[in-house]
Structure formats: structure tokens, C-alpha cells
Amino acid sequence: MLVLASASPRRADLLRGAGVEFLVAAVDADETWVAGEAAPEYAARVARAKAALALPHHPGAVILAADTTVWHAGEPPIGKPGDRAEAAAMIMGLTGRGSHLVTTAFALADARGDEVTWLEEQVTTRVWMRALADEELADYLDGEDWRGKAGGYGIQSRAAGIVTRIEGSYTAVVGLPLAEVLVALRRLQLVR
């Protein structure tokens, strides 16, 4: 049995779309960034923590957890905005400035044997966004697509009109690098 340790409807939709059967069991992990921690390592640590929290509740299962972070090289990760003003600052910091990076890390904890074995990977995609006029930013914020999303945007929804190109995995930006996850699930003989 595969357990998705996430409340993200986007991650669940990606897995369902690939024909993967799973149970959803969201967990509430501490997502506090540790000063000096690089963004990809931060995402990997949080993904591992989520999987570890779900393990005791699902003995004999394989747990899949993921975490996505948005970042610029040499800077701390950009989290989820707490309010409209934070969302505006995040979006303005990402648009018209060149590219930024999105890393999604996933962890698979296989508890089907005597010991838990781990498969982990990080996938990073480069994203470019166009500059926004003030009224475009206001319209975007009014749509509230920024709520609960790293960097204040979801590429699969309203922000699709802001993103001009990507280099890397689209599904990693959505929140789950599906191609890499499917390869890992095949290794565990959970999918064909």
C-alpha cells in the first residue's frame, strides 16, 4: 500500500492521473527553515520529516512525502505567504527579475520489511516570469491563488499567465516530480 503524506490536492491529482493507487494521510510537519540551510536540503529535510511522521500510523506501507520550495541562488527559500502583502512582495520579487528556482524533494519510506528503507530525490526547475503591471498584480492577488503555495503561486492555475518559460520538470513546480516518483515506485514494485 502507498500512502501519500500530504494534504496537497495537486500532488494527489498528479498521482491519480498517472494511475497510481494510494491512500491520503496528511501530516503536519515543522517547515521552519534553519538559517544557513540551502533550499534543496531544506526541502529534502521537510519531505523526510513528513514521511517519518506518517510511518508510525501506517505500518507495513510505503510512505510518499514531498516538499516544494521556491528560491534564488544564494538566498534563503521563499516560503508560503501569510497574507496578501507577503504574497505581493513574493510575486514582485519573482517577476521581471530573470529566473528563479523551484525544488521539489520527495521521500519514500518503505516499511514493508524488517527495517525502513528510504528513497529520496530532489528535482530543481528554473522558472521565468514576466513583469506585471500594478493592476495585473492586484487581479492576481484578488484571485487568492497565492494561498498555501510556496512563492505565492501555482503554475497550474492563474500563475500560468505569468510564467513565460521553464527549464526542467513542470510537475516538480506543481509539487511532485512525477517522472522521478514513478521511477522510484517502479523500483519498489508499486507500479508497472
N, C-alpha and C. Protein backbone atom coordinates (compact mmCIF):
# COMPACT_ATOMS: atom_id res chain seq x y z
N MET A 1 0.83 -1.18 0.00
CA MET A 1 0.00 0.00 0.00
C MET A 1 0.88 1.25 0.00
N LEU A 2 0.51 2.22 -0.85
CA LEU A 2 1.20 3.50 -0.90
C LEU A 2 0.37 4.53 -0.15
N VAL A 3 1.02 5.29 0.72
CA VAL A 3 0.37 6.35 1.49
C VAL A 3 1.00 7.68 1.11
N LEU A 4 0.18 8.63 0.68
CA LEU A 4 0.65 9.97 0.36
C LEU A 4 0.50 10.83 1.61
N ALA A 5 1.62 11.21 2.19
CA ALA A 5 1.61 12.03 3.41
C ALA A 5 1.58 13.50 3.02
N SER A 6 0.44 13.91 2.48
CA SER A 6 0.30 15.28 2.00
C SER A 6 -1.17 15.65 1.90
N ALA A 7 -1.48 16.89 2.22
CA ALA A 7 -2.83 17.40 2.04
C ALA A 7 -2.99 18.09 0.69
N SER A 8 -1.93 18.11 -0.11
CA SER A 8 -1.96 18.83 -1.39
C SER A 8 -2.85 18.13 -2.41
N PRO A 9 -3.91 18.79 -2.85
CA PRO A 9 -4.74 18.19 -3.89
C PRO A 9 -3.99 18.06 -5.21
N ARG A 10 -3.00 18.92 -5.43
CA ARG A 10 -2.23 18.86 -6.68
C ARG A 10 -1.37 17.60 -6.73
N ARG A 11 -0.74 17.25 -5.62
CA ARG A 11 0.06 16.02 -5.59
C ARG A 11 -0.84 14.80 -5.81
N ALA A 12 -1.98 14.79 -5.16
CA ALA A 12 -2.91 13.67 -5.33
C ALA A 12 -3.40 13.58 -6.77
N ASP A 13 -3.71 14.72 -7.39
CA ASP A 13 -4.16 14.72 -8.78
C ASP A 13 -3.09 14.17 -9.72
N LEU A 14 -1.85 14.54 -9.48
CA LEU A 14 -0.76 14.03 -10.34
C LEU A 14 -0.66 12.51 -10.24
N LEU A 15 -0.71 11.99 -9.03
CA LEU A 15 -0.62 10.54 -8.85
C LEU A 15 -1.83 9.84 -9.48
N ARG A 16 -3.02 10.36 -9.23
CA ARG A 16 -4.23 9.77 -9.82
C ARG A 16 -4.15 9.77 -11.34
N GLY A 17 -3.69 10.88 -11.89
CA GLY A 17 -3.57 11.00 -13.34
C GLY A 17 -2.63 9.97 -13.94
N ALA A 18 -1.66 9.53 -13.15
CA ALA A 18 -0.70 8.51 -13.61
C ALA A 18 -1.21 7.10 -13.32
N GLY A 19 -2.41 7.00 -12.76
CA GLY A 19 -2.98 5.69 -12.48
C GLY A 19 -2.45 5.00 -11.24
N VAL A 20 -1.87 5.78 -10.33
CA VAL A 20 -1.30 5.22 -9.09
C VAL A 20 -2.39 5.16 -8.03
N GLU A 21 -2.50 4.02 -7.36
CA GLU A 21 -3.45 3.88 -6.26
C GLU A 21 -2.73 4.22 -4.95
N PHE A 22 -3.41 4.97 -4.09
CA PHE A 22 -2.79 5.40 -2.85
C PHE A 22 -3.87 5.84 -1.87
N LEU A 23 -3.47 5.97 -0.63
CA LEU A 23 -4.29 6.48 0.44
C LEU A 23 -3.70 7.83 0.86
N VAL A 24 -4.53 8.80 1.13
CA VAL A 24 -4.05 10.11 1.59
C VAL A 24 -4.07 10.14 3.11
N ALA A 25 -2.96 10.53 3.69
CA ALA A 25 -2.85 10.68 5.14
C ALA A 25 -1.95 11.89 5.42
N ALA A 26 -2.56 13.06 5.43
CA ALA A 26 -1.80 14.29 5.62
C ALA A 26 -1.16 14.33 7.00
N VAL A 27 -0.01 14.96 7.08
CA VAL A 27 0.70 15.15 8.34
C VAL A 27 1.00 16.64 8.49
N ASP A 28 1.31 17.04 9.70
CA ASP A 28 1.63 18.43 9.98
C ASP A 28 3.06 18.51 10.48
N ALA A 29 3.99 18.68 9.56
CA ALA A 29 5.42 18.73 9.90
C ALA A 29 5.86 20.17 10.13
N ASP A 30 6.88 20.31 10.92
CA ASP A 30 7.50 21.62 11.13
C ASP A 30 8.26 22.00 9.86
N GLU A 31 7.87 23.10 9.24
CA GLU A 31 8.51 23.53 8.00
C GLU A 31 9.40 24.75 8.21
N THR A 32 9.87 24.94 9.42
CA THR A 32 10.72 26.08 9.73
C THR A 32 12.08 25.91 9.07
N TRP A 33 12.50 26.95 8.35
CA TRP A 33 13.81 26.94 7.70
C TRP A 33 14.89 27.16 8.75
N VAL A 34 15.99 26.44 8.64
CA VAL A 34 17.13 26.58 9.54
C VAL A 34 18.14 27.51 8.87
N ALA A 35 18.54 28.57 9.55
CA ALA A 35 19.47 29.55 8.98
C ALA A 35 20.70 28.84 8.42
N GLY A 36 21.08 29.24 7.21
CA GLY A 36 22.24 28.67 6.56
C GLY A 36 21.94 27.43 5.72
N GLU A 37 20.75 26.89 5.86
CA GLU A 37 20.37 25.67 5.13
C GLU A 37 20.04 26.03 3.67
N ALA A 38 20.67 25.33 2.73
CA ALA A 38 20.39 25.56 1.31
C ALA A 38 18.97 25.10 1.00
N ALA A 39 18.33 25.76 0.06
CA ALA A 39 16.93 25.47 -0.26
C ALA A 39 16.68 24.01 -0.63
N PRO A 40 17.50 23.37 -1.48
CA PRO A 40 17.23 21.97 -1.80
C PRO A 40 17.33 21.05 -0.58
N GLU A 41 18.29 21.30 0.29
CA GLU A 41 18.43 20.50 1.51
C GLU A 41 17.27 20.75 2.47
N TYR A 42 16.80 21.98 2.50
CA TYR A 42 15.63 22.31 3.31
C TYR A 42 14.41 21.49 2.85
N ALA A 43 14.16 21.49 1.54
CA ALA A 43 13.02 20.73 1.00
C ALA A 43 13.17 19.24 1.29
N ALA A 44 14.38 18.72 1.15
CA ALA A 44 14.62 17.30 1.41
C ALA A 44 14.38 16.97 2.89
N ARG A 45 14.83 17.84 3.77
CA ARG A 45 14.65 17.60 5.21
C ARG A 45 13.17 17.59 5.57
N VAL A 46 12.41 18.53 5.02
CA VAL A 46 10.98 18.60 5.34
C VAL A 46 10.25 17.39 4.75
N ALA A 47 10.60 16.97 3.54
CA ALA A 47 9.97 15.79 2.94
C ALA A 47 10.22 14.55 3.80
N ARG A 48 11.46 14.37 4.26
CA ARG A 48 11.80 13.24 5.15
C ARG A 48 11.00 13.31 6.45
N ALA A 49 10.89 14.51 7.01
CA ALA A 49 10.16 14.68 8.27
C ALA A 49 8.69 14.31 8.10
N LYS A 50 8.10 14.70 6.99
CA LYS A 50 6.70 14.36 6.73
C LYS A 50 6.53 12.84 6.64
N ALA A 51 7.41 12.19 5.89
CA ALA A 51 7.32 10.73 5.75
C ALA A 51 7.50 10.06 7.11
N ALA A 52 8.46 10.54 7.90
CA ALA A 52 8.72 9.94 9.22
C ALA A 52 7.51 10.10 10.14
N LEU A 53 6.81 11.22 10.05
CA LEU A 53 5.62 11.42 10.88
C LEU A 53 4.50 10.45 10.52
N ALA A 54 4.41 10.08 9.26
CA ALA A 54 3.34 9.18 8.82
C ALA A 54 3.65 7.71 9.10
N LEU A 55 4.93 7.36 9.19
CA LEU A 55 5.32 5.95 9.35
C LEU A 55 4.64 5.22 10.51
N PRO A 56 4.63 5.76 11.71
CA PRO A 56 4.03 5.01 12.83
C PRO A 56 2.55 4.70 12.65
N HIS A 57 1.86 5.49 11.83
CA HIS A 57 0.43 5.32 11.64
C HIS A 57 0.08 4.35 10.52
N HIS A 58 1.10 3.92 9.75
CA HIS A 58 0.86 3.05 8.59
C HIS A 58 1.94 1.97 8.51
N PRO A 59 1.99 1.09 9.49
CA PRO A 59 3.00 0.03 9.48
C PRO A 59 2.79 -0.87 8.26
N GLY A 60 3.89 -1.27 7.66
CA GLY A 60 3.84 -2.16 6.51
C GLY A 60 3.51 -1.48 5.20
N ALA A 61 3.48 -0.16 5.19
CA ALA A 61 3.16 0.59 3.97
C ALA A 61 4.41 1.28 3.42
N VAL A 62 4.26 1.86 2.25
CA VAL A 62 5.27 2.75 1.68
C VAL A 62 4.70 4.15 1.78
N ILE A 63 5.45 5.04 2.39
CA ILE A 63 5.01 6.42 2.58
C ILE A 63 5.69 7.31 1.56
N LEU A 64 4.92 8.14 0.88
CA LEU A 64 5.45 9.14 -0.05
C LEU A 64 5.15 10.52 0.52
N ALA A 65 6.19 11.31 0.68
CA ALA A 65 6.03 12.70 1.14
C ALA A 65 6.87 13.60 0.24
N ALA A 66 6.47 14.85 0.13
CA ALA A 66 7.21 15.79 -0.71
C ALA A 66 7.13 17.18 -0.11
N ASP A 67 8.08 18.01 -0.51
CA ASP A 67 8.06 19.41 -0.12
C ASP A 67 8.62 20.23 -1.28
N THR A 68 8.01 21.38 -1.51
CA THR A 68 8.42 22.26 -2.61
C THR A 68 8.86 23.59 -2.05
N THR A 69 9.95 24.10 -2.59
CA THR A 69 10.41 25.42 -2.18
C THR A 69 10.83 26.23 -3.41
N VAL A 70 10.64 27.53 -3.33
CA VAL A 70 11.00 28.48 -4.37
C VAL A 70 12.19 29.27 -3.86
N TRP A 71 13.17 29.54 -4.73
CA TRP A 71 14.37 30.21 -4.23
C TRP A 71 15.17 30.86 -5.35
N HIS A 72 16.03 31.79 -4.95
CA HIS A 72 17.06 32.37 -5.81
C HIS A 72 18.41 31.88 -5.29
N ALA A 73 19.34 31.66 -6.19
CA ALA A 73 20.67 31.18 -5.80
C ALA A 73 21.27 32.09 -4.74
N GLY A 74 21.80 31.47 -3.68
CA GLY A 74 22.46 32.20 -2.62
C GLY A 74 21.53 32.87 -1.63
N GLU A 75 20.24 32.65 -1.77
CA GLU A 75 19.27 33.27 -0.86
C GLU A 75 18.47 32.21 -0.12
N PRO A 76 17.87 32.56 1.00
CA PRO A 76 17.02 31.60 1.72
C PRO A 76 15.80 31.22 0.87
N PRO A 77 15.20 30.08 1.16
CA PRO A 77 13.99 29.71 0.43
C PRO A 77 12.86 30.69 0.68
N ILE A 78 12.00 30.80 -0.31
CA ILE A 78 10.83 31.66 -0.20
C ILE A 78 9.67 30.76 0.23
N GLY A 79 9.10 31.03 1.36
CA GLY A 79 8.04 30.18 1.90
C GLY A 79 6.68 30.46 1.32
N LYS A 80 5.67 30.13 2.10
CA LYS A 80 4.28 30.39 1.74
C LYS A 80 3.89 31.73 2.35
N PRO A 81 3.23 32.59 1.58
CA PRO A 81 2.84 33.89 2.14
C PRO A 81 1.78 33.74 3.22
N GLY A 82 1.91 34.56 4.24
CA GLY A 82 0.94 34.54 5.33
C GLY A 82 -0.26 35.43 5.07
N ASP A 83 -0.06 36.42 4.19
CA ASP A 83 -1.16 37.34 3.89
C ASP A 83 -0.94 37.96 2.51
N ARG A 84 -1.86 38.79 2.11
CA ARG A 84 -1.83 39.40 0.78
C ARG A 84 -0.57 40.24 0.56
N ALA A 85 -0.16 41.00 1.57
CA ALA A 85 1.03 41.84 1.42
C ALA A 85 2.28 40.99 1.20
N GLU A 86 2.41 39.90 1.93
CA GLU A 86 3.55 38.99 1.71
C GLU A 86 3.48 38.36 0.33
N ALA A 87 2.29 37.99 -0.10
CA ALA A 87 2.13 37.42 -1.44
C ALA A 87 2.56 38.42 -2.51
N ALA A 88 2.15 39.67 -2.35
CA ALA A 88 2.53 40.71 -3.32
C ALA A 88 4.04 40.87 -3.38
N ALA A 89 4.68 40.92 -2.21
CA ALA A 89 6.14 41.07 -2.18
C ALA A 89 6.83 39.87 -2.84
N MET A 90 6.32 38.67 -2.58
CA MET A 90 6.92 37.48 -3.19
C MET A 90 6.79 37.50 -4.70
N ILE A 91 5.59 37.77 -5.19
CA ILE A 91 5.37 37.77 -6.63
C ILE A 91 6.20 38.87 -7.30
N MET A 92 6.26 40.04 -6.72
CA MET A 92 7.07 41.12 -7.29
C MET A 92 8.56 40.76 -7.28
N GLY A 93 8.98 39.99 -6.28
CA GLY A 93 10.37 39.55 -6.23
C GLY A 93 10.72 38.47 -7.23
N LEU A 94 9.69 37.83 -7.79
CA LEU A 94 9.91 36.75 -8.76
C LEU A 94 9.69 37.19 -10.20
N THR A 95 8.87 38.20 -10.41
CA THR A 95 8.51 38.60 -11.77
C THR A 95 9.47 39.65 -12.32
N GLY A 96 9.76 39.53 -13.60
CA GLY A 96 10.57 40.52 -14.29
C GLY A 96 12.00 40.62 -13.81
N ARG A 97 12.47 39.62 -13.08
CA ARG A 97 13.80 39.68 -12.47
C ARG A 97 14.74 38.63 -13.07
N GLY A 98 14.37 38.00 -14.12
CA GLY A 98 15.14 36.87 -14.62
C GLY A 98 14.49 35.60 -14.09
N SER A 99 15.28 34.61 -13.83
CA SER A 99 14.71 33.34 -13.41
C SER A 99 14.84 33.13 -11.91
N HIS A 100 14.04 32.19 -11.42
CA HIS A 100 14.18 31.68 -10.05
C HIS A 100 14.14 30.16 -10.13
N LEU A 101 14.35 29.52 -9.02
CA LEU A 101 14.40 28.06 -8.97
C LEU A 101 13.29 27.52 -8.10
N VAL A 102 12.78 26.36 -8.50
CA VAL A 102 11.79 25.64 -7.70
C VAL A 102 12.33 24.23 -7.50
N THR A 103 12.48 23.84 -6.25
CA THR A 103 12.92 22.48 -5.93
C THR A 103 11.81 21.75 -5.22
N THR A 104 11.48 20.57 -5.73
CA THR A 104 10.61 19.66 -5.00
C THR A 104 11.44 18.44 -4.64
N ALA A 105 11.46 18.15 -3.36
CA ALA A 105 12.13 16.94 -2.87
C ALA A 105 11.05 15.96 -2.48
N PHE A 106 11.31 14.68 -2.74
CA PHE A 106 10.37 13.67 -2.27
C PHE A 106 11.13 12.58 -1.53
N ALA A 107 10.43 11.98 -0.59
CA ALA A 107 10.99 10.88 0.20
C ALA A 107 10.00 9.73 0.18
N LEU A 108 10.52 8.53 -0.07
CA LEU A 108 9.73 7.31 0.02
C LEU A 108 10.30 6.48 1.15
N ALA A 109 9.47 6.19 2.13
CA ALA A 109 9.88 5.36 3.27
C ALA A 109 9.16 4.02 3.13
N ASP A 110 9.93 2.97 2.87
CA ASP A 110 9.37 1.64 2.65
C ASP A 110 9.43 0.85 3.95
N ALA A 111 8.26 0.64 4.58
CA ALA A 111 8.19 -0.06 5.86
C ALA A 111 7.63 -1.47 5.69
N ARG A 112 7.79 -2.04 4.51
CA ARG A 112 7.23 -3.38 4.27
C ARG A 112 8.12 -4.49 4.81
N GLY A 113 9.38 -4.19 5.10
CA GLY A 113 10.29 -5.21 5.61
C GLY A 113 10.56 -5.03 7.08
N ASP A 114 11.62 -5.69 7.54
CA ASP A 114 12.01 -5.60 8.95
C ASP A 114 12.53 -4.22 9.31
N GLU A 115 13.15 -3.54 8.35
CA GLU A 115 13.69 -2.20 8.56
C GLU A 115 13.12 -1.26 7.51
N VAL A 116 13.00 0.00 7.84
CA VAL A 116 12.53 1.00 6.89
C VAL A 116 13.68 1.35 5.95
N THR A 117 13.41 1.30 4.66
CA THR A 117 14.40 1.75 3.67
C THR A 117 13.88 3.03 3.03
N TRP A 118 14.80 3.88 2.64
CA TRP A 118 14.46 5.20 2.13
C TRP A 118 14.94 5.38 0.70
N LEU A 119 14.11 6.00 -0.12
CA LEU A 119 14.49 6.50 -1.44
C LEU A 119 14.17 7.99 -1.43
N GLU A 120 15.14 8.80 -1.80
CA GLU A 120 14.92 10.25 -1.75
C GLU A 120 15.53 10.90 -2.98
N GLU A 121 14.90 11.97 -3.44
CA GLU A 121 15.42 12.69 -4.60
C GLU A 121 14.95 14.13 -4.56
N GLN A 122 15.74 15.00 -5.17
CA GLN A 122 15.39 16.41 -5.31
C GLN A 122 15.39 16.74 -6.80
N VAL A 123 14.39 17.47 -7.25
CA VAL A 123 14.31 17.88 -8.64
C VAL A 123 14.15 19.40 -8.66
N THR A 124 15.03 20.06 -9.39
CA THR A 124 15.02 21.53 -9.46
C THR A 124 14.71 21.99 -10.88
N THR A 125 13.81 22.95 -10.98
CA THR A 125 13.39 23.52 -12.25
C THR A 125 13.62 25.03 -12.21
N ARG A 126 14.09 25.57 -13.33
CA ARG A 126 14.27 27.02 -13.45
C ARG A 126 13.01 27.61 -14.09
N VAL A 127 12.51 28.71 -13.50
CA VAL A 127 11.26 29.32 -13.94
C VAL A 127 11.49 30.81 -14.23
N TRP A 128 10.94 31.26 -15.35
CA TRP A 128 10.97 32.68 -15.70
C TRP A 128 9.55 33.22 -15.69
N MET A 129 9.39 34.43 -15.14
CA MET A 129 8.09 35.09 -15.10
C MET A 129 8.21 36.49 -15.69
N ARG A 130 7.15 36.90 -16.37
CA ARG A 130 7.15 38.25 -16.94
C ARG A 130 6.83 39.29 -15.86
N ALA A 131 7.21 40.52 -16.13
CA ALA A 131 6.88 41.62 -15.22
C ALA A 131 5.37 41.86 -15.25
N LEU A 132 4.85 42.32 -14.13
CA LEU A 132 3.41 42.59 -14.01
C LEU A 132 3.16 44.07 -13.78
N ALA A 133 2.13 44.56 -14.44
CA ALA A 133 1.65 45.91 -14.15
C ALA A 133 0.92 45.86 -12.80
N ASP A 134 0.78 47.00 -12.16
CA ASP A 134 0.13 47.05 -10.84
C ASP A 134 -1.26 46.43 -10.85
N GLU A 135 -2.05 46.74 -11.90
CA GLU A 135 -3.41 46.20 -11.95
C GLU A 135 -3.41 44.68 -12.18
N GLU A 136 -2.42 44.16 -12.90
CA GLU A 136 -2.31 42.71 -13.08
C GLU A 136 -1.98 42.02 -11.76
N LEU A 137 -1.09 42.63 -11.00
CA LEU A 137 -0.75 42.08 -9.69
C LEU A 137 -1.97 42.08 -8.79
N ALA A 138 -2.71 43.18 -8.78
CA ALA A 138 -3.92 43.27 -7.94
C ALA A 138 -4.93 42.20 -8.34
N ASP A 139 -5.13 42.01 -9.65
CA ASP A 139 -6.06 40.97 -10.12
C ASP A 139 -5.58 39.58 -9.69
N TYR A 140 -4.29 39.34 -9.80
CA TYR A 140 -3.75 38.04 -9.39
C TYR A 140 -3.99 37.81 -7.89
N LEU A 141 -3.70 38.80 -7.10
CA LEU A 141 -3.88 38.68 -5.65
C LEU A 141 -5.36 38.52 -5.29
N ASP A 142 -6.24 39.20 -6.00
CA ASP A 142 -7.69 39.07 -5.76
C ASP A 142 -8.16 37.64 -5.96
N GLY A 143 -7.53 36.92 -6.89
CA GLY A 143 -7.91 35.54 -7.16
C GLY A 143 -7.50 34.57 -6.07
N GLU A 144 -6.66 35.01 -5.16
CA GLU A 144 -6.19 34.25 -3.99
C GLU A 144 -5.52 32.92 -4.34
N ASP A 145 -4.99 32.81 -5.55
CA ASP A 145 -4.25 31.61 -5.95
C ASP A 145 -2.96 31.47 -5.15
N TRP A 146 -2.53 32.52 -4.52
CA TRP A 146 -1.28 32.54 -3.77
C TRP A 146 -1.38 31.81 -2.43
N ARG A 147 -2.56 31.58 -1.93
CA ARG A 147 -2.74 30.98 -0.60
C ARG A 147 -2.18 29.56 -0.54
N GLY A 148 -1.33 29.32 0.47
CA GLY A 148 -0.82 27.98 0.73
C GLY A 148 0.20 27.47 -0.28
N LYS A 149 0.78 28.37 -1.07
CA LYS A 149 1.72 27.93 -2.11
C LYS A 149 3.08 28.60 -1.92
N ALA A 150 4.12 27.79 -2.00
CA ALA A 150 5.48 28.31 -1.91
C ALA A 150 5.70 29.36 -3.00
N GLY A 151 6.26 30.50 -2.60
CA GLY A 151 6.50 31.57 -3.55
C GLY A 151 5.25 32.35 -3.91
N GLY A 152 4.09 31.93 -3.39
CA GLY A 152 2.86 32.65 -3.65
C GLY A 152 2.23 32.35 -5.01
N TYR A 153 2.60 31.22 -5.62
CA TYR A 153 1.97 30.92 -6.90
C TYR A 153 1.88 29.42 -7.16
N GLY A 154 0.91 29.08 -8.01
CA GLY A 154 0.75 27.73 -8.51
C GLY A 154 0.81 27.79 -10.02
N ILE A 155 1.80 27.15 -10.61
CA ILE A 155 2.00 27.23 -12.06
C ILE A 155 0.82 26.64 -12.83
N GLN A 156 0.07 25.75 -12.20
CA GLN A 156 -1.03 25.07 -12.88
C GLN A 156 -2.32 25.88 -12.90
N SER A 157 -2.32 27.05 -12.30
CA SER A 157 -3.55 27.84 -12.27
C SER A 157 -3.29 29.26 -12.76
N ARG A 158 -3.72 30.26 -12.03
CA ARG A 158 -3.63 31.65 -12.53
C ARG A 158 -2.21 32.08 -12.89
N ALA A 159 -1.22 31.56 -12.20
CA ALA A 159 0.16 31.96 -12.48
C ALA A 159 0.64 31.46 -13.84
N ALA A 160 -0.09 30.55 -14.46
CA ALA A 160 0.28 30.10 -15.80
C ALA A 160 0.36 31.28 -16.77
N GLY A 161 -0.39 32.33 -16.51
CA GLY A 161 -0.35 33.52 -17.35
C GLY A 161 0.81 34.46 -17.05
N ILE A 162 1.58 34.14 -16.02
CA ILE A 162 2.74 34.94 -15.65
C ILE A 162 4.04 34.25 -16.07
N VAL A 163 4.05 32.92 -16.02
CA VAL A 163 5.25 32.14 -16.35
C VAL A 163 5.47 32.18 -17.85
N THR A 164 6.67 32.61 -18.25
CA THR A 164 6.97 32.69 -19.68
C THR A 164 7.70 31.45 -20.19
N ARG A 165 8.45 30.79 -19.32
CA ARG A 165 9.08 29.53 -19.72
C ARG A 165 9.65 28.85 -18.49
N ILE A 166 9.90 27.53 -18.66
CA ILE A 166 10.56 26.77 -17.62
C ILE A 166 11.64 25.91 -18.25
N GLU A 167 12.60 25.55 -17.44
CA GLU A 167 13.66 24.63 -17.86
C GLU A 167 13.71 23.54 -16.80
N GLY A 168 13.16 22.38 -17.12
CA GLY A 168 13.12 21.29 -16.16
C GLY A 168 11.74 20.68 -16.08
N SER A 169 11.41 20.16 -14.93
CA SER A 169 10.17 19.41 -14.72
C SER A 169 9.00 20.31 -14.35
N TYR A 170 7.99 20.31 -15.21
CA TYR A 170 6.76 21.05 -14.91
C TYR A 170 6.10 20.50 -13.65
N THR A 171 6.02 19.16 -13.54
CA THR A 171 5.31 18.59 -12.40
C THR A 171 6.04 18.85 -11.09
N ALA A 172 7.36 19.04 -11.14
CA ALA A 172 8.09 19.41 -9.92
C ALA A 172 7.65 20.79 -9.44
N VAL A 173 7.37 21.69 -10.37
CA VAL A 173 6.90 23.02 -9.99
C VAL A 173 5.48 22.92 -9.43
N VAL A 174 4.67 22.02 -9.96
CA VAL A 174 3.32 21.80 -9.44
C VAL A 174 3.39 21.26 -8.01
N GLY A 175 4.42 20.43 -7.72
CA GLY A 175 4.58 19.94 -6.35
C GLY A 175 4.99 18.49 -6.21
N LEU A 176 5.16 17.77 -7.34
CA LEU A 176 5.59 16.38 -7.27
C LEU A 176 6.23 16.01 -8.60
N PRO A 177 7.55 15.77 -8.62
CA PRO A 177 8.22 15.41 -9.88
C PRO A 177 7.78 14.01 -10.32
N LEU A 178 6.72 13.95 -11.09
CA LEU A 178 6.02 12.70 -11.36
C LEU A 178 6.90 11.66 -12.05
N ALA A 179 7.67 12.04 -13.04
CA ALA A 179 8.51 11.06 -13.74
C ALA A 179 9.48 10.39 -12.77
N GLU A 180 10.11 11.17 -11.93
CA GLU A 180 11.07 10.62 -10.98
C GLU A 180 10.38 9.79 -9.90
N VAL A 181 9.21 10.22 -9.47
CA VAL A 181 8.46 9.45 -8.47
C VAL A 181 8.05 8.10 -9.05
N LEU A 182 7.58 8.08 -10.30
CA LEU A 182 7.17 6.82 -10.91
C LEU A 182 8.35 5.85 -11.06
N VAL A 183 9.51 6.37 -11.42
CA VAL A 183 10.71 5.51 -11.49
C VAL A 183 10.99 4.90 -10.12
N ALA A 184 10.91 5.71 -9.07
CA ALA A 184 11.16 5.21 -7.72
C ALA A 184 10.10 4.19 -7.31
N LEU A 185 8.84 4.43 -7.65
CA LEU A 185 7.78 3.48 -7.31
C LEU A 185 7.94 2.17 -8.07
N ARG A 186 8.46 2.23 -9.29
CA ARG A 186 8.76 1.00 -10.04
C ARG A 186 9.86 0.20 -9.34
N ARG A 187 10.87 0.90 -8.87
CA ARG A 187 11.95 0.22 -8.14
C ARG A 187 11.41 -0.52 -6.93
N LEU A 188 10.37 0.05 -6.32
CA LEU A 188 9.74 -0.58 -5.17
C LEU A 188 8.62 -1.55 -5.55
N GLN A 189 8.43 -1.73 -6.86
CA GLN A 189 7.44 -2.65 -7.42
C GLN A 189 6.01 -2.27 -7.00
N LEU A 190 5.76 -0.97 -6.92
CA LEU A 190 4.42 -0.47 -6.58
C LEU A 190 3.63 -0.08 -7.82
N VAL A 191 4.31 0.15 -8.92
CA VAL A 191 3.66 0.43 -10.22
C VAL A 191 4.39 -0.34 -11.30
N ARG A 192 3.73 -0.54 -12.40
CA ARG A 192 4.35 -1.25 -13.53
C ARG A 192 5.11 -0.30 -14.41
